Amino acid sequence: MGNPYTSVAIANFNADPPSDDASEVAGNQVEWAKHLAKLATPLKNLAEGINTNTAAAFGKRLGTTFELKTTSYNIAAPGDQGKFFSVTGTTTITLPAAADAGDGFPVGVFNTGSGAVTVDGNASELINGSPSIKLAAGLGLIITCDGSEWAGLILNLDLSGLTAIAAAGLAATDGFLVDDGGVPKRMEYTDSGIRVQTVSGTTDTLATADMNTFIEYTNASAVAVTLDTGVGKVGNVIIIKQTGAGQVTVSGTATLESAVGNKTNAQDSVITLVCIATDTWALYGDMAA
């Protein structure tokens, strides 16, 4: 299925020339009818067949045909190879079985409406490692097959054009688009949470990658944590736990606002840093001066 061109073979070609015994008889005469029957007609049929199959193959190039779909549709193999589908409405576009599509079966699906369009794998087959991909309004998917599974590229991921939703408006059925090692996947809202990491040393300089993280410091000696300007943004949170015997002290060029101090109080104490303005952090929790 990968190559849409079908080779054309010469049919009815007579490879055996007439006998030539040097005699001047009708059987040895050079006649157009004999050439036509043995060579010209098969070559004409071959050329015409090549023209027909070439035209059909180019007709299956990606994007040659653009079709509008307003209801759910099952993409057919081989008939829909290379087509672009403009889809409106809350619909599902189902891919053909990978084995039927074969290696190199391309197709495009574009959500030109306002509802969500789901591109679904056939039966239990996966797309980029997931059973289906949901396209919000304005998004498109170019997808191809290797004969056993599907891989696609999402186009026009312009989040600024999507409807905004406040965090308080999220529901358990909502999800986030995440990059799982290069594979786009949907993460359920209920799956979300801060990261947890452990630091065993006696020094740690916080970076942007540490934002929204619960950090356990396990060393038995005192731990110095540095928080400088230029790290994080308003709304970021860092939770620090003194898991080891070493007291954890937070300092640096960033502004720390605290009513008590900037150290954990004792083993298992937890303190929290919240960025309340650029380079300004509120520090609170089980602290000591």
Protein backbone atom coordinates (compact mmCIF):
# COMPACT_ATOMS: atom_id res chain seq x y z
CA MET A 1 0.00 0.00 0.00
CA GLY A 2 2.93 2.32 0.55
CA ASN A 3 3.65 2.84 -3.17
CA PRO A 4 0.42 3.87 -4.95
CA TYR A 5 1.87 3.08 -8.40
CA THR A 6 0.99 -0.29 -9.93
CA SER A 7 3.55 -1.62 -12.41
CA VAL A 8 2.31 -2.45 -15.91
CA ALA A 9 3.50 -5.58 -17.72
CA ILE A 10 3.59 -6.10 -21.50
CA ALA A 11 0.70 -8.35 -22.47
CA ASN A 12 0.29 -10.45 -25.64
CA PHE A 13 3.87 -9.84 -26.78
CA ASN A 14 5.02 -12.56 -29.20
CA ALA A 15 8.70 -13.15 -28.65
CA ASP A 16 8.96 -15.73 -31.48
CA PRO A 17 9.71 -14.16 -34.90
CA PRO A 18 8.40 -15.83 -38.07
CA SER A 19 10.68 -18.39 -39.65
CA ASP A 20 13.04 -17.23 -42.37
CA ASP A 21 14.16 -19.88 -44.86
CA ALA A 22 15.37 -17.30 -47.45
CA SER A 23 12.53 -18.13 -49.74
CA GLU A 24 10.27 -15.48 -51.23
CA VAL A 25 6.96 -16.65 -49.85
CA ALA A 26 4.09 -14.84 -48.19
CA GLY A 27 5.08 -16.12 -44.75
CA ASN A 28 8.42 -14.28 -45.02
CA GLN A 29 7.04 -10.98 -46.24
CA VAL A 30 7.47 -7.88 -44.03
CA GLU A 31 3.93 -6.77 -43.43
CA TRP A 32 2.65 -3.99 -41.07
CA ALA A 33 -0.08 -6.26 -39.76
CA LYS A 34 2.52 -8.74 -38.50
CA HIS A 35 4.57 -5.99 -36.80
CA LEU A 36 1.42 -4.57 -35.28
CA ALA A 37 0.37 -7.92 -33.84
CA LYS A 38 3.81 -8.86 -32.50
CA LEU A 39 5.18 -5.51 -31.21
CA ALA A 40 3.28 -2.28 -31.81
CA THR A 41 -0.02 -3.10 -30.09
CA PRO A 42 1.60 -4.55 -26.90
CA LEU A 43 3.87 -1.48 -26.63
CA LYS A 44 0.90 0.85 -27.15
CA ASN A 45 -1.02 -0.97 -24.42
CA LEU A 46 2.03 -0.76 -22.13
CA ALA A 47 2.40 3.01 -22.64
CA GLU A 48 -1.30 3.63 -22.11
CA GLY A 49 -1.27 1.46 -18.98
CA ILE A 50 1.71 3.40 -17.58
CA ASN A 51 -0.11 6.68 -18.21
CA THR A 52 -3.25 5.44 -16.47
CA ASN A 53 -1.42 4.03 -13.44
CA THR A 54 0.81 7.11 -13.13
CA ALA A 55 -2.25 9.35 -13.05
CA ALA A 56 -3.86 7.10 -10.43
CA ALA A 57 -0.69 7.10 -8.32
CA PHE A 58 -0.40 10.90 -8.38
CA GLY A 59 -4.04 11.02 -7.38
CA LYS A 60 -3.04 9.35 -4.10
CA ARG A 61 -0.40 11.92 -3.19
CA LEU A 62 -0.93 13.50 0.23
CA GLY A 63 -3.36 16.38 -0.05
CA THR A 64 -4.43 15.85 -3.67
CA THR A 65 -8.06 15.32 -2.60
CA PHE A 66 -9.80 17.43 0.06
CA GLU A 67 -13.08 16.13 1.45
CA LEU A 68 -15.53 17.63 3.95
CA LYS A 69 -16.92 15.41 6.72
CA THR A 70 -19.68 16.54 9.07
CA THR A 71 -20.38 13.18 10.71
CA SER A 72 -18.25 10.28 11.94
CA TYR A 73 -16.38 8.52 9.18
CA ASN A 74 -14.26 5.38 8.72
CA ILE A 75 -11.22 6.04 6.53
CA ALA A 76 -10.95 3.35 3.87
CA ALA A 77 -7.85 1.60 2.56
CA PRO A 78 -6.79 1.93 -0.19
CA GLY A 79 -9.42 4.38 -1.42
CA ASP A 80 -8.72 7.25 0.99
CA GLN A 81 -4.94 7.14 0.77
CA GLY A 82 -3.46 10.64 0.56
CA LYS A 83 -6.71 12.49 1.26
CA PHE A 84 -7.15 15.51 3.51
CA PHE A 85 -10.35 15.52 5.53
CA SER A 86 -11.87 18.80 6.71
CA VAL A 87 -14.02 17.78 9.68
CA THR A 88 -16.69 19.79 11.48
CA GLY A 89 -18.86 18.90 14.44
CA THR A 90 -18.13 16.68 17.42
CA THR A 91 -17.20 13.62 15.40
CA THR A 92 -14.93 10.59 15.31
CA ILE A 93 -12.70 9.71 12.36
CA THR A 94 -11.64 6.05 12.54
CA LEU A 95 -8.48 4.83 10.84
CA PRO A 96 -8.39 1.62 8.81
CA ALA A 97 -6.65 -1.45 10.16
CA ALA A 98 -2.89 -0.94 9.92
CA ALA A 99 -2.46 -4.20 8.04
CA ASP A 100 -4.98 -3.04 5.41
CA ALA A 101 -3.40 0.40 5.10
CA GLY A 102 0.10 -1.00 4.71
CA ASP A 103 3.45 0.76 4.89
CA GLY A 104 3.38 4.43 3.90
CA PHE A 105 -0.38 5.13 3.93
CA PRO A 106 -0.66 8.92 4.56
CA VAL A 107 -3.80 10.84 5.42
CA GLY A 108 -4.65 14.20 7.00
CA VAL A 109 -7.47 15.14 9.40
CA PHE A 110 -8.19 18.81 10.19
CA ASN A 111 -10.72 20.17 12.65
CA THR A 112 -12.26 23.13 10.84
CA GLY A 113 -15.28 23.33 13.13
CA SER A 114 -15.84 24.28 16.76
CA GLY A 115 -16.38 20.85 18.34
CA ALA A 116 -13.77 18.25 19.30
CA VAL A 117 -12.74 15.78 16.60
CA THR A 118 -11.42 12.39 17.73
CA VAL A 119 -9.07 10.42 15.49
CA ASP A 120 -9.43 6.82 16.62
CA GLY A 121 -7.25 3.81 15.92
CA ASN A 122 -8.90 0.73 14.46
CA ALA A 123 -9.94 -1.67 17.24
CA SER A 124 -7.06 -1.70 19.77
CA GLU A 125 -4.47 -0.15 17.44
CA LEU A 126 -2.55 2.87 18.72
CA ILE A 127 -1.68 6.32 17.38
CA ASN A 128 1.58 7.69 18.78
CA GLY A 129 1.19 5.10 21.54
CA SER A 130 -2.38 6.15 22.45
CA PRO A 131 -5.75 4.65 21.42
CA SER A 132 -6.91 8.00 20.01
CA ILE A 133 -6.01 11.66 19.54
CA LYS A 134 -8.50 14.45 20.19
CA LEU A 135 -8.17 17.53 18.00
CA ALA A 136 -9.49 20.81 19.37
CA ALA A 137 -10.84 23.44 16.99
CA GLY A 138 -8.17 24.64 14.58
CA LEU A 139 -5.87 21.64 15.03
CA GLY A 140 -4.88 19.13 12.39
CA LEU A 141 -3.17 15.75 12.23
CA ILE A 142 -1.05 14.31 9.43
CA ILE A 143 -0.67 10.61 10.03
CA THR A 144 0.92 7.63 8.34
CA CYS A 145 1.26 3.91 8.89
CA ASP A 146 4.09 1.38 8.73
CA GLY A 147 1.76 -1.58 8.32
CA SER A 148 1.49 -2.33 12.04
CA GLU A 149 0.96 1.01 13.83
CA TRP A 150 0.22 4.68 13.21
CA ALA A 151 2.33 7.77 13.86
CA GLY A 152 1.15 11.34 13.38
CA LEU A 153 2.16 14.97 13.66
CA ILE A 154 -0.25 17.48 15.20
CA LEU A 155 -0.30 20.76 13.29
CA ASN A 156 -1.16 24.34 14.25
CA LEU A 157 -0.94 23.90 18.00
CA ASP A 158 -1.80 27.57 18.69
CA LEU A 159 -2.95 27.55 22.31
CA SER A 160 -3.64 31.28 22.22
CA GLY A 161 -6.60 30.63 19.96
CA LEU A 162 -8.22 28.11 22.29
CA THR A 163 -10.89 28.82 24.87
CA ALA A 164 -9.37 29.70 28.25
CA ILE A 165 -10.43 27.91 31.41
CA ALA A 166 -9.69 28.92 34.98
CA ALA A 167 -8.00 26.41 37.25
CA ALA A 168 -11.06 26.46 39.48
CA GLY A 169 -13.12 25.36 36.50
CA LEU A 170 -11.21 22.14 35.86
CA ALA A 171 -13.10 18.90 36.32
CA ALA A 172 -11.92 15.33 36.82
CA THR A 173 -12.68 14.56 33.16
CA ASP A 174 -10.41 17.35 31.89
CA GLY A 175 -6.87 16.64 30.76
CA PHE A 176 -3.56 18.16 29.72
CA LEU A 177 -1.43 17.55 26.62
CA VAL A 178 1.99 16.40 27.79
CA ASP A 179 5.20 15.27 26.08
CA ASP A 180 6.10 11.76 27.23
CA GLY A 181 9.59 11.31 25.79
CA GLY A 182 8.55 12.75 22.45
CA VAL A 183 5.15 11.03 22.44
CA PRO A 184 2.18 13.35 22.99
CA LYS A 185 -0.19 11.96 25.61
CA ARG A 186 -3.20 13.12 27.54
CA MET A 187 -2.81 13.44 31.31
CA GLU A 188 -5.97 13.37 33.40
CA TYR A 189 -6.52 16.36 35.66
CA THR A 190 -6.73 14.00 38.63
CA ASP A 191 -3.24 12.73 37.72
CA SER A 192 -1.68 16.14 38.21
CA GLY A 193 0.45 17.03 41.22
CA ILE A 194 3.81 18.38 42.24
CA ARG A 195 7.01 16.43 41.74
CA VAL A 196 8.88 14.87 44.66
CA GLN A 197 12.67 14.72 44.73
CA THR A 198 15.41 13.97 47.25
CA VAL A 199 18.68 15.84 47.83
CA SER A 200 21.37 14.08 49.83
CA GLY A 201 24.09 16.75 49.79
CA THR A 202 24.70 19.68 52.11
CA THR A 203 24.22 22.38 49.44
CA ASP A 204 21.54 22.92 46.82
CA THR A 205 20.96 25.83 44.43
CA LEU A 206 17.34 26.06 43.36
CA ALA A 207 16.65 26.46 39.64
CA THR A 208 13.58 26.95 37.48
CA ALA A 209 13.39 23.17 37.07
CA ASP A 210 12.81 22.90 40.82
CA MET A 211 9.61 24.93 40.76
CA ASN A 212 6.43 23.24 42.02
CA THR A 213 8.45 20.50 43.69
CA PHE A 214 8.50 18.84 47.10
CA ILE A 215 12.19 18.48 48.06
CA GLU A 216 13.42 16.26 50.88
CA TYR A 217 16.88 17.01 52.30
CA THR A 218 18.29 13.90 53.93
CA ASN A 219 21.79 14.84 55.08
CA ALA A 220 22.69 14.56 58.77
CA SER A 221 24.68 17.80 58.56
CA ALA A 222 23.34 21.30 58.03
CA VAL A 223 22.05 21.99 54.52
CA ALA A 224 22.41 25.35 52.74
CA VAL A 225 19.76 26.02 50.07
CA THR A 226 20.33 28.98 47.71
CA LEU A 227 17.47 30.86 46.04
CA ASP A 228 18.69 33.67 43.80
CA THR A 229 16.92 36.24 41.63
CA GLY A 230 15.83 35.24 38.14
CA VAL A 231 14.50 31.86 39.26
CA GLY A 232 10.84 30.89 38.89
CA LYS A 233 7.83 33.11 38.36
CA VAL A 234 4.87 34.40 40.30
CA GLY A 235 2.74 31.54 41.60
CA ASN A 236 5.55 28.95 41.76
CA VAL A 237 5.77 26.88 44.93
CA ILE A 238 8.66 24.97 46.52
CA ILE A 239 8.04 22.77 49.56
CA ILE A 240 11.08 21.83 51.66
CA LYS A 241 11.25 19.03 54.21
CA GLN A 242 14.11 18.40 56.62
CA THR A 243 14.11 14.62 56.41
CA GLY A 244 17.62 14.22 57.84
CA ALA A 245 19.09 15.54 61.06
CA GLY A 246 20.69 18.54 59.30
CA GLN A 247 18.81 21.82 59.63
CA VAL A 248 17.91 23.37 56.25
CA THR A 249 18.63 27.08 55.75
CA VAL A 250 17.29 29.05 52.77
CA SER A 251 19.12 32.19 51.59
CA GLY A 252 20.25 33.94 48.41
CA THR A 253 19.79 37.11 46.38
CA ALA A 254 16.02 36.65 46.08
CA THR A 255 13.88 38.47 48.68
CA LEU A 256 12.53 36.16 51.41
CA GLU A 257 9.60 37.39 53.49
CA SER A 258 9.15 35.50 56.76
CA ALA A 259 7.72 36.28 60.19
CA VAL A 260 10.05 33.85 61.96
CA GLY A 261 13.23 33.00 60.08
CA ASN A 262 14.58 31.09 57.13
CA LYS A 263 15.40 27.68 58.63
CA THR A 264 13.56 24.45 59.31
CA ASN A 265 12.79 23.97 62.99
CA ALA A 266 13.73 20.31 63.45
CA GLN A 267 13.86 16.93 61.75
CA ASP A 268 10.67 16.31 59.72
CA SER A 269 9.85 20.05 59.70
CA VAL A 270 8.29 21.34 56.47
CA ILE A 271 8.56 24.91 55.15
CA THR A 272 7.06 26.37 51.98
CA LEU A 273 8.27 29.00 49.53
CA VAL A 274 5.69 30.82 47.38
CA CYS A 275 6.71 33.34 44.72
CA ILE A 276 4.39 36.31 45.34
CA ALA A 277 6.16 38.81 43.05
CA THR A 278 9.17 38.83 40.75
CA ASP A 279 12.16 37.61 42.82
CA THR A 280 10.10 37.88 46.02
CA TRP A 281 9.13 34.79 48.01
CA ALA A 282 6.94 34.26 51.05
CA LEU A 283 8.47 31.70 53.42
CA TYR A 284 6.30 30.01 56.03
CA GLY A 285 5.90 26.75 57.92
CA ASP A 286 7.61 24.97 60.83
CA MET A 287 10.56 27.38 60.97
CA ALA A 288 13.24 28.64 63.29
CA ALA A 289 15.14 31.91 63.34
